[in-house]
N, C-alpha and C. Protein backbone atom coordinates (compact mmCIF):
# COMPACT_ATOMS: atom_id res chain seq x y z
N MET A 1 0.84 -1.19 0.06
CA MET A 1 0.00 0.00 0.04
C MET A 1 0.90 1.27 -0.01
N GLY A 2 0.24 2.36 -0.02
CA GLY A 2 0.99 3.66 -0.14
C GLY A 2 1.18 4.18 1.22
N GLN A 3 1.24 5.49 1.30
CA GLN A 3 1.48 6.17 2.55
C GLN A 3 0.19 6.11 3.40
N THR A 4 0.41 6.16 4.66
CA THR A 4 -0.81 6.15 5.61
C THR A 4 -0.95 7.52 6.26
N ARG A 5 -2.15 8.07 6.07
CA ARG A 5 -2.33 9.38 6.73
C ARG A 5 -2.58 9.20 8.16
N VAL A 6 -2.36 10.29 8.95
CA VAL A 6 -2.55 10.22 10.37
C VAL A 6 -3.53 11.28 10.71
N THR A 7 -4.49 10.97 11.61
CA THR A 7 -5.42 12.11 12.01
C THR A 7 -4.75 13.02 12.91
N GLY A 8 -5.55 14.08 13.27
CA GLY A 8 -5.05 15.17 14.14
C GLY A 8 -4.57 14.53 15.52
N SER A 9 -5.16 13.48 15.92
CA SER A 9 -4.84 12.84 17.12
C SER A 9 -3.58 11.97 17.08
N GLY A 10 -3.13 11.82 15.83
CA GLY A 10 -1.97 11.03 15.73
C GLY A 10 -2.23 9.54 15.39
N GLU A 11 -3.56 9.11 15.38
CA GLU A 11 -4.01 7.82 15.13
C GLU A 11 -4.20 7.56 13.62
N ASP A 12 -3.78 6.44 13.12
CA ASP A 12 -4.05 5.99 11.78
C ASP A 12 -5.59 5.96 11.55
N PRO A 13 -6.09 6.64 10.53
CA PRO A 13 -7.55 6.67 10.36
C PRO A 13 -8.14 5.35 10.10
N ARG A 14 -7.43 4.40 9.57
CA ARG A 14 -7.89 2.99 9.46
C ARG A 14 -8.18 2.43 10.85
N VAL A 15 -7.29 2.69 11.78
CA VAL A 15 -7.48 2.18 13.10
C VAL A 15 -8.69 2.84 13.75
N THR A 16 -8.94 4.19 13.60
CA THR A 16 -10.15 4.82 14.09
C THR A 16 -11.30 4.27 13.47
N GLU A 17 -11.31 3.96 12.20
CA GLU A 17 -12.46 3.37 11.53
C GLU A 17 -12.81 1.98 12.10
N LEU A 18 -11.75 1.14 12.33
CA LEU A 18 -11.82 -0.13 12.88
C LEU A 18 -12.44 -0.13 14.27
N ARG A 19 -11.93 0.78 15.13
CA ARG A 19 -12.32 0.89 16.53
C ARG A 19 -13.86 1.34 16.54
N THR A 20 -14.20 2.30 15.71
CA THR A 20 -15.61 2.68 15.63
C THR A 20 -16.54 1.60 15.21
N ALA A 21 -16.20 0.84 14.19
CA ALA A 21 -16.95 -0.29 13.66
C ALA A 21 -17.14 -1.39 14.76
N VAL A 22 -16.01 -1.72 15.35
CA VAL A 22 -16.04 -2.82 16.40
C VAL A 22 -16.90 -2.30 17.58
N SER A 23 -16.79 -1.06 18.02
CA SER A 23 -17.51 -0.60 19.11
C SER A 23 -19.01 -0.63 18.80
N ARG A 24 -19.40 -0.35 17.52
CA ARG A 24 -20.85 -0.34 17.20
C ARG A 24 -21.33 -1.81 17.25
N LEU A 25 -20.54 -2.76 16.66
CA LEU A 25 -21.01 -4.12 16.61
C LEU A 25 -21.08 -4.72 18.08
N ARG A 26 -20.12 -4.36 18.89
CA ARG A 26 -20.19 -4.77 20.29
C ARG A 26 -21.39 -4.35 20.99
N ARG A 27 -21.82 -2.97 20.79
CA ARG A 27 -23.01 -2.43 21.39
C ARG A 27 -24.24 -3.12 20.89
N GLU A 28 -24.29 -3.39 19.52
CA GLU A 28 -25.50 -4.03 18.99
C GLU A 28 -25.60 -5.44 19.47
N LEU A 29 -24.43 -6.11 19.58
CA LEU A 29 -24.46 -7.56 20.00
C LEU A 29 -24.97 -7.61 21.42
N ALA A 30 -24.37 -6.72 22.27
CA ALA A 30 -24.81 -6.63 23.71
C ALA A 30 -26.25 -6.40 23.85
N GLY A 31 -26.86 -5.53 22.96
CA GLY A 31 -28.29 -5.28 23.04
C GLY A 31 -29.22 -6.24 22.40
N HIS A 32 -28.63 -7.19 21.68
CA HIS A 32 -29.47 -8.20 20.99
C HIS A 32 -30.00 -9.14 21.90
N PRO A 33 -31.32 -9.31 21.94
CA PRO A 33 -32.07 -10.13 22.97
C PRO A 33 -31.81 -11.69 22.77
N GLY A 34 -31.57 -12.05 21.54
CA GLY A 34 -31.48 -13.50 21.19
C GLY A 34 -30.20 -14.11 21.69
N GLU A 35 -30.28 -15.32 22.07
CA GLU A 35 -29.06 -16.16 22.36
C GLU A 35 -28.83 -17.04 21.18
N PHE A 36 -27.57 -17.29 20.90
CA PHE A 36 -27.18 -18.17 19.91
C PHE A 36 -25.90 -18.90 20.31
N PRO A 37 -25.56 -19.98 19.82
CA PRO A 37 -24.49 -20.92 20.37
C PRO A 37 -23.11 -20.22 20.34
N ASP A 38 -22.80 -19.45 19.33
CA ASP A 38 -21.46 -18.94 19.19
C ASP A 38 -21.36 -17.39 19.56
N ARG A 39 -22.25 -16.94 20.41
CA ARG A 39 -22.25 -15.58 20.85
C ARG A 39 -20.93 -15.21 21.59
N GLY A 40 -20.50 -16.17 22.42
CA GLY A 40 -19.24 -15.90 23.20
C GLY A 40 -18.04 -15.83 22.26
N ILE A 41 -18.05 -16.59 21.25
CA ILE A 41 -16.89 -16.50 20.29
C ILE A 41 -16.83 -15.09 19.63
N ALA A 42 -18.07 -14.60 19.24
CA ALA A 42 -18.15 -13.27 18.64
C ALA A 42 -17.65 -12.24 19.61
N GLU A 43 -18.17 -12.34 20.82
CA GLU A 43 -17.78 -11.34 21.87
C GLU A 43 -16.27 -11.40 22.11
N ASP A 44 -15.67 -12.58 22.21
CA ASP A 44 -14.26 -12.67 22.44
C ASP A 44 -13.43 -12.13 21.30
N GLU A 45 -13.88 -12.40 20.07
CA GLU A 45 -13.11 -11.92 18.85
C GLU A 45 -13.31 -10.39 18.67
N LEU A 46 -14.34 -9.84 19.09
CA LEU A 46 -14.58 -8.34 19.01
C LEU A 46 -13.63 -7.82 20.05
N ALA A 47 -13.55 -8.37 21.24
CA ALA A 47 -12.64 -7.79 22.21
C ALA A 47 -11.25 -7.86 21.69
N ALA A 48 -10.87 -8.97 21.05
CA ALA A 48 -9.50 -9.06 20.51
C ALA A 48 -9.27 -8.01 19.36
N LEU A 49 -10.21 -7.80 18.53
CA LEU A 49 -10.08 -6.72 17.48
C LEU A 49 -9.92 -5.38 18.09
N ASP A 50 -10.74 -5.10 19.19
CA ASP A 50 -10.55 -3.80 19.86
C ASP A 50 -9.16 -3.69 20.51
N ALA A 51 -8.66 -4.74 21.10
CA ALA A 51 -7.36 -4.70 21.71
C ALA A 51 -6.29 -4.43 20.66
N MET A 52 -6.41 -5.22 19.54
CA MET A 52 -5.36 -4.99 18.45
C MET A 52 -5.45 -3.54 17.88
N ALA A 53 -6.68 -3.00 17.70
CA ALA A 53 -6.72 -1.60 17.27
C ALA A 53 -6.20 -0.69 18.25
N ALA A 54 -6.38 -0.93 19.61
CA ALA A 54 -5.93 -0.01 20.59
C ALA A 54 -4.42 -0.06 20.59
N GLY A 55 -3.77 -1.12 20.14
CA GLY A 55 -2.32 -1.19 20.12
C GLY A 55 -1.68 -0.60 18.94
N GLY A 56 -2.41 -0.02 18.02
CA GLY A 56 -1.84 0.59 16.90
C GLY A 56 -2.28 -0.17 15.59
N VAL A 57 -1.35 -0.23 14.64
CA VAL A 57 -1.76 -0.92 13.36
C VAL A 57 -1.62 -2.49 13.61
N PRO A 58 -2.74 -3.14 13.54
CA PRO A 58 -2.88 -4.55 13.81
C PRO A 58 -2.24 -5.44 12.68
N GLU A 59 -2.03 -6.64 12.99
CA GLU A 59 -1.56 -7.63 11.97
C GLU A 59 -2.67 -8.00 11.02
N ILE A 60 -2.53 -7.86 9.81
CA ILE A 60 -3.64 -8.19 8.83
C ILE A 60 -4.04 -9.67 8.95
N PRO A 61 -3.24 -10.60 8.94
CA PRO A 61 -3.78 -12.02 9.04
C PRO A 61 -4.62 -12.20 10.30
N ARG A 62 -4.21 -11.63 11.46
CA ARG A 62 -5.04 -11.76 12.65
C ARG A 62 -6.28 -11.05 12.50
N LEU A 63 -6.33 -9.89 11.90
CA LEU A 63 -7.57 -9.18 11.71
C LEU A 63 -8.50 -10.03 10.90
N ARG A 64 -8.08 -10.60 9.78
CA ARG A 64 -8.87 -11.37 8.90
C ARG A 64 -9.42 -12.64 9.63
N ARG A 65 -8.55 -13.24 10.49
CA ARG A 65 -9.02 -14.44 11.21
C ARG A 65 -10.12 -14.08 12.07
N SER A 66 -9.98 -12.96 12.87
CA SER A 66 -11.00 -12.51 13.79
C SER A 66 -12.28 -12.23 13.00
N LEU A 67 -12.22 -11.54 11.86
CA LEU A 67 -13.36 -11.27 11.12
C LEU A 67 -14.08 -12.57 10.68
N LEU A 68 -13.34 -13.51 10.23
CA LEU A 68 -14.04 -14.79 9.83
C LEU A 68 -14.69 -15.48 10.98
N LEU A 69 -14.12 -15.42 12.12
CA LEU A 69 -14.71 -16.07 13.34
C LEU A 69 -15.95 -15.35 13.70
N ILE A 70 -15.89 -14.05 13.66
CA ILE A 70 -17.11 -13.15 14.01
C ILE A 70 -18.22 -13.39 13.02
N ALA A 71 -17.82 -13.39 11.77
CA ALA A 71 -18.84 -13.64 10.65
C ALA A 71 -19.47 -15.05 10.82
N GLY A 72 -18.68 -16.02 11.13
CA GLY A 72 -19.19 -17.26 11.35
C GLY A 72 -20.11 -17.47 12.52
N ALA A 73 -19.75 -16.73 13.50
CA ALA A 73 -20.52 -16.71 14.82
C ALA A 73 -21.82 -16.02 14.72
N ILE A 74 -21.91 -14.87 14.01
CA ILE A 74 -23.19 -14.13 14.07
C ILE A 74 -23.68 -13.83 12.67
N GLY A 75 -23.11 -14.44 11.64
CA GLY A 75 -23.49 -14.28 10.29
C GLY A 75 -25.03 -14.55 9.95
N SER A 76 -25.67 -15.38 10.69
CA SER A 76 -27.08 -15.67 10.50
C SER A 76 -28.00 -14.76 11.29
N VAL A 77 -27.43 -13.78 12.02
CA VAL A 77 -28.25 -12.89 12.83
C VAL A 77 -28.40 -11.63 11.97
N SER A 78 -29.57 -11.54 11.25
CA SER A 78 -29.78 -10.49 10.27
C SER A 78 -29.76 -9.14 10.96
N ALA A 79 -30.18 -9.01 12.18
CA ALA A 79 -30.18 -7.70 12.92
C ALA A 79 -28.76 -7.11 13.07
N LEU A 80 -27.83 -7.95 13.02
CA LEU A 80 -26.39 -7.47 13.17
C LEU A 80 -25.67 -7.33 11.80
N ALA A 81 -26.33 -7.59 10.74
CA ALA A 81 -25.65 -7.57 9.43
C ALA A 81 -24.96 -6.27 9.09
N SER A 82 -25.64 -5.15 9.35
CA SER A 82 -25.13 -3.83 8.90
C SER A 82 -23.87 -3.52 9.69
N ALA A 83 -23.87 -3.86 11.01
CA ALA A 83 -22.66 -3.51 11.85
C ALA A 83 -21.59 -4.51 11.54
N LEU A 84 -21.94 -5.73 11.20
CA LEU A 84 -20.90 -6.73 10.77
C LEU A 84 -20.23 -6.25 9.47
N ARG A 85 -21.00 -5.72 8.52
CA ARG A 85 -20.55 -5.21 7.26
C ARG A 85 -19.52 -4.14 7.56
N ASP A 86 -19.81 -3.22 8.48
CA ASP A 86 -18.98 -2.08 8.78
C ASP A 86 -17.62 -2.57 9.28
N VAL A 87 -17.60 -3.67 10.11
CA VAL A 87 -16.36 -4.22 10.58
C VAL A 87 -15.58 -4.73 9.48
N ARG A 88 -16.29 -5.47 8.54
CA ARG A 88 -15.57 -6.07 7.37
C ARG A 88 -14.94 -4.96 6.51
N VAL A 89 -15.67 -3.87 6.32
CA VAL A 89 -15.13 -2.77 5.51
C VAL A 89 -13.97 -2.21 6.17
N ALA A 90 -13.99 -2.00 7.44
CA ALA A 90 -12.87 -1.43 8.27
C ALA A 90 -11.63 -2.38 8.12
N VAL A 91 -11.85 -3.65 8.27
CA VAL A 91 -10.72 -4.60 8.15
C VAL A 91 -10.16 -4.54 6.73
N ASP A 92 -11.04 -4.37 5.74
CA ASP A 92 -10.50 -4.25 4.33
C ASP A 92 -9.69 -3.05 4.08
N LEU A 93 -9.77 -1.98 4.85
CA LEU A 93 -8.94 -0.81 4.79
C LEU A 93 -7.46 -1.18 4.91
N PHE A 94 -7.21 -2.18 5.63
CA PHE A 94 -5.80 -2.47 5.90
C PHE A 94 -5.16 -3.29 4.71
N GLY A 95 -6.04 -3.65 3.73
CA GLY A 95 -5.45 -4.40 2.57
C GLY A 95 -5.28 -5.89 2.85
N GLU A 96 -4.70 -6.45 1.84
CA GLU A 96 -4.50 -7.90 1.88
C GLU A 96 -3.18 -8.33 2.63
N PRO A 97 -3.17 -9.40 3.32
CA PRO A 97 -1.91 -9.86 3.98
C PRO A 97 -0.91 -10.05 2.84
N PRO A 98 0.38 -9.94 3.16
CA PRO A 98 1.41 -10.27 2.14
C PRO A 98 1.44 -11.72 1.85
N ARG A 99 1.59 -12.03 0.58
CA ARG A 99 1.69 -13.45 0.12
C ARG A 99 3.08 -13.95 0.37
N GLY A 100 3.23 -15.17 0.84
CA GLY A 100 4.45 -15.82 1.31
C GLY A 100 5.32 -16.09 0.07
C-alpha cells in the first residue's frame, strides 16, 4: 500500500475506523436479545479486535482471522448484518496480507 495518513490525534484513520466499527457491533451484539451458540466467540473476537486496534496498526492475518470467526458466529443474525458489514469494510482498509 501507499502512505498512511494520520489524524489530528496521531492515530491512523484506518485504526479509528476499525475501533468505531468494532464498538458499534459490540454495542449491537450486547443489546441483541436473542441467544445463539457462538455468541461468546463473537464477543471474544470483538474484544480481540478492539485490543489490536488500541495497540496501533494490527496484523492483517490476525484481523482477517477474527473477522472470519465473528462472521461465522453471528452471520445468520440479520439484525447485526449492517454492523458486521462495517467491521468487514474497516478490516478491508488494511489491505491484503502479504503473500508468502
